[in-house]
Every structure is written in structure tokens, then in C-alpha cells.
Amino acid sequence: MKLKSMKKFFLPLMGFAAGIANGLLGAGGGIIIVYALDHALSDRLSDRRDVFANALCVMLPVSAVSCISYAVSGNLSAGGVGVYAIPAILGGAVGGFILGKINLGFLKKLFAALVIYSGVMLIIK
């Protein structure tokens, strides 16, 4: 199979996997999207930060659909949404602004550290 035709299947498959991870875990889809976009689009991007920016754009609708699914099934606490939603939205806006100004090497290390820290905390707790 040619590389170009493999990418046609790879990105939708990774998108589907990201949706499943986000729906099951409430997070994690962005990690899959960042990996997939970095792998599949690295030769076409002028700035590697575009991978993170595109992941942000993809995860917004995925997270919204997951949130609606949780709410419809009765698994969403109203207090949790009120306490976290507005600060998370504001933090997302600040993070999106900072993304264009941050050093790519530092950003990659920060992303890796967050993934490792999250994994370790999930294992020990």
C-alpha cells in the first residue's frame, strides 16, 4: 500500500481512536491526535506548533460531544461543570494565545512531561 493511501486511512482511524479515548476517559484523545498529526503531516507543516494548534481545534467538538453524551446518560454532575468549565475555557484561550509564542522544543518537553506525569499518577493512585 502506498504511503499516501495509508495516510487516508491513518488519520480517520486515529480520529476514531481519539474519540473513543475521550469518550471513555474524558481525556486522552488530544494525545492521540497530536501523535497522529505529527506523524502524518510533519512533511507539510512549516511550523511544528501547528500540530498542537490543530489538535486543539479537533478536540473541541470531540470534547463537546463527549460532554453531551455524559450528560444524557446522567453521568455528569452539575457542580463539577460549573466549577471547572469557565476556568477551563479561559485557560484554553490563554494556552492557545501562548502556543504561538512558546519555543517548540520546550513545548514538546512540556507535553511529554504532562503525559508521563499523568500516566504515573494514574498508576500509583
Protein backbone atom coordinates (compact mmCIF):
# COMPACT_ATOMS: atom_id res chain seq x y z
CA MET A 1 0.00 0.00 0.00
CA LYS A 2 1.33 3.43 -0.94
CA LEU A 3 2.20 5.91 1.79
CA LYS A 4 -0.38 8.41 0.52
CA SER A 5 -3.21 5.87 0.63
CA MET A 6 -2.08 4.71 4.09
CA LYS A 7 -2.47 8.30 5.35
CA LYS A 8 -6.03 8.34 4.03
CA PHE A 9 -6.84 5.55 6.47
CA PHE A 10 -4.43 6.51 9.26
CA LEU A 11 -5.86 9.92 10.16
CA PRO A 12 -9.53 8.86 10.25
CA LEU A 13 -8.55 5.78 12.28
CA MET A 14 -6.61 7.93 14.74
CA GLY A 15 -9.55 10.35 14.90
CA PHE A 16 -11.85 7.46 15.75
CA ALA A 17 -9.39 6.22 18.41
CA ALA A 18 -9.16 9.74 19.85
CA GLY A 19 -12.94 9.93 20.08
CA ILE A 20 -13.10 6.58 21.87
CA ALA A 21 -10.35 7.58 24.31
CA ASN A 22 -12.01 10.89 25.01
CA GLY A 23 -15.42 9.29 25.46
CA LEU A 24 -14.13 6.55 27.75
CA LEU A 25 -11.64 8.52 29.79
CA GLY A 26 -12.81 12.11 29.46
CA ALA A 27 -9.35 12.93 28.12
CA GLY A 28 -6.55 11.36 26.16
CA GLY A 29 -7.93 11.99 22.70
CA GLY A 30 -5.67 15.00 22.30
CA ILE A 31 -2.60 12.85 22.89
CA ILE A 32 -3.64 10.53 20.07
CA ILE A 33 -4.42 13.45 17.78
CA VAL A 34 -1.05 15.12 18.46
CA TYR A 35 0.76 11.86 17.65
CA ALA A 36 -1.30 11.24 14.51
CA LEU A 37 -0.93 14.76 13.13
CA ASP A 38 2.77 14.86 13.90
CA HIS A 39 3.27 11.52 12.18
CA ALA A 40 1.08 12.14 9.15
CA LEU A 41 1.56 15.84 8.47
CA SER A 42 5.11 16.57 9.58
CA ASP A 43 6.35 16.89 5.99
CA ARG A 44 3.69 19.51 5.12
CA LEU A 45 3.89 21.77 8.18
CA SER A 46 6.07 24.86 8.20
CA ASP A 47 5.80 25.17 11.99
CA ARG A 48 5.54 22.10 14.20
CA ARG A 49 3.36 24.06 16.64
CA ASP A 50 0.64 23.67 14.01
CA VAL A 51 0.27 20.08 15.22
CA PHE A 52 -0.73 21.28 18.69
CA ALA A 53 -2.96 24.03 17.29
CA ASN A 54 -4.77 21.55 15.03
CA ALA A 55 -5.18 19.14 17.94
CA LEU A 56 -6.87 21.93 19.92
CA CYS A 57 -9.31 22.54 17.08
CA VAL A 58 -10.10 18.84 16.68
CA MET A 59 -10.60 18.21 20.39
CA LEU A 60 -13.17 20.96 20.91
CA PRO A 61 -16.03 19.21 19.08
CA VAL A 62 -14.90 15.80 20.34
CA SER A 63 -14.98 17.02 23.93
CA ALA A 64 -18.33 18.73 23.42
CA VAL A 65 -19.89 15.53 22.07
CA SER A 66 -18.41 13.51 24.94
CA CYS A 67 -19.76 16.03 27.44
CA ILE A 68 -23.25 15.86 25.91
CA SER A 69 -23.10 12.05 25.95
CA TYR A 70 -22.12 12.06 29.63
CA ALA A 71 -24.94 14.49 30.44
CA VAL A 72 -27.58 12.49 28.54
CA SER A 73 -26.56 9.28 30.31
CA GLY A 74 -26.76 11.03 33.71
CA ASN A 75 -23.05 10.73 34.50
CA LEU A 76 -22.31 14.44 34.63
CA SER A 77 -22.51 16.34 37.90
CA ALA A 78 -23.80 19.88 37.53
CA GLY A 79 -21.49 21.17 40.28
CA GLY A 80 -18.41 19.84 38.52
CA VAL A 81 -19.34 21.53 35.28
CA GLY A 82 -19.91 24.89 36.95
CA VAL A 83 -16.67 24.76 38.92
CA TYR A 84 -14.39 23.67 36.07
CA ALA A 85 -15.98 24.74 32.78
CA ILE A 86 -15.44 28.50 32.85
CA PRO A 87 -11.87 28.37 34.20
CA ALA A 88 -11.06 25.63 31.67
CA ILE A 89 -12.41 27.74 28.80
CA LEU A 90 -10.39 30.74 29.98
CA GLY A 91 -7.30 28.57 30.40
CA GLY A 92 -7.78 27.20 26.90
CA ALA A 93 -7.88 30.71 25.47
CA VAL A 94 -4.71 31.66 27.33
CA GLY A 95 -2.99 28.43 26.26
CA GLY A 96 -3.96 29.00 22.63
CA PHE A 97 -2.51 32.51 22.80
CA ILE A 98 0.74 31.30 24.40
CA LEU A 99 1.09 28.47 21.86
CA GLY A 100 2.10 30.90 19.13
CA LYS A 101 4.83 32.41 21.28
CA ILE A 102 6.39 29.41 23.04
CA ASN A 103 9.56 27.63 21.94
CA LEU A 104 8.75 24.38 20.13
CA GLY A 105 11.43 22.37 21.96
CA PHE A 106 10.06 23.45 25.32
CA LEU A 107 6.51 22.72 24.18
CA LYS A 108 7.40 19.16 23.17
CA LYS A 109 9.12 18.56 26.51
CA LEU A 110 6.18 20.04 28.40
CA PHE A 111 3.76 17.79 26.50
CA ALA A 112 5.88 14.71 27.16
CA ALA A 113 6.25 15.58 30.85
CA LEU A 114 2.49 16.02 31.21
CA VAL A 115 1.80 12.66 29.55
CA ILE A 116 4.39 10.89 31.73
CA TYR A 117 3.17 12.59 34.91
CA SER A 118 -0.45 11.70 34.10
CA GLY A 119 0.47 8.08 33.46
CA VAL A 120 2.46 7.76 36.68
CA MET A 121 -0.31 9.36 38.74
CA LEU A 122 -2.91 7.01 37.25
CA ILE A 123 -0.77 4.02 38.15
CA ILE A 124 0.03 4.99 41.75
CA LYS A 125 -3.41 6.27 42.76
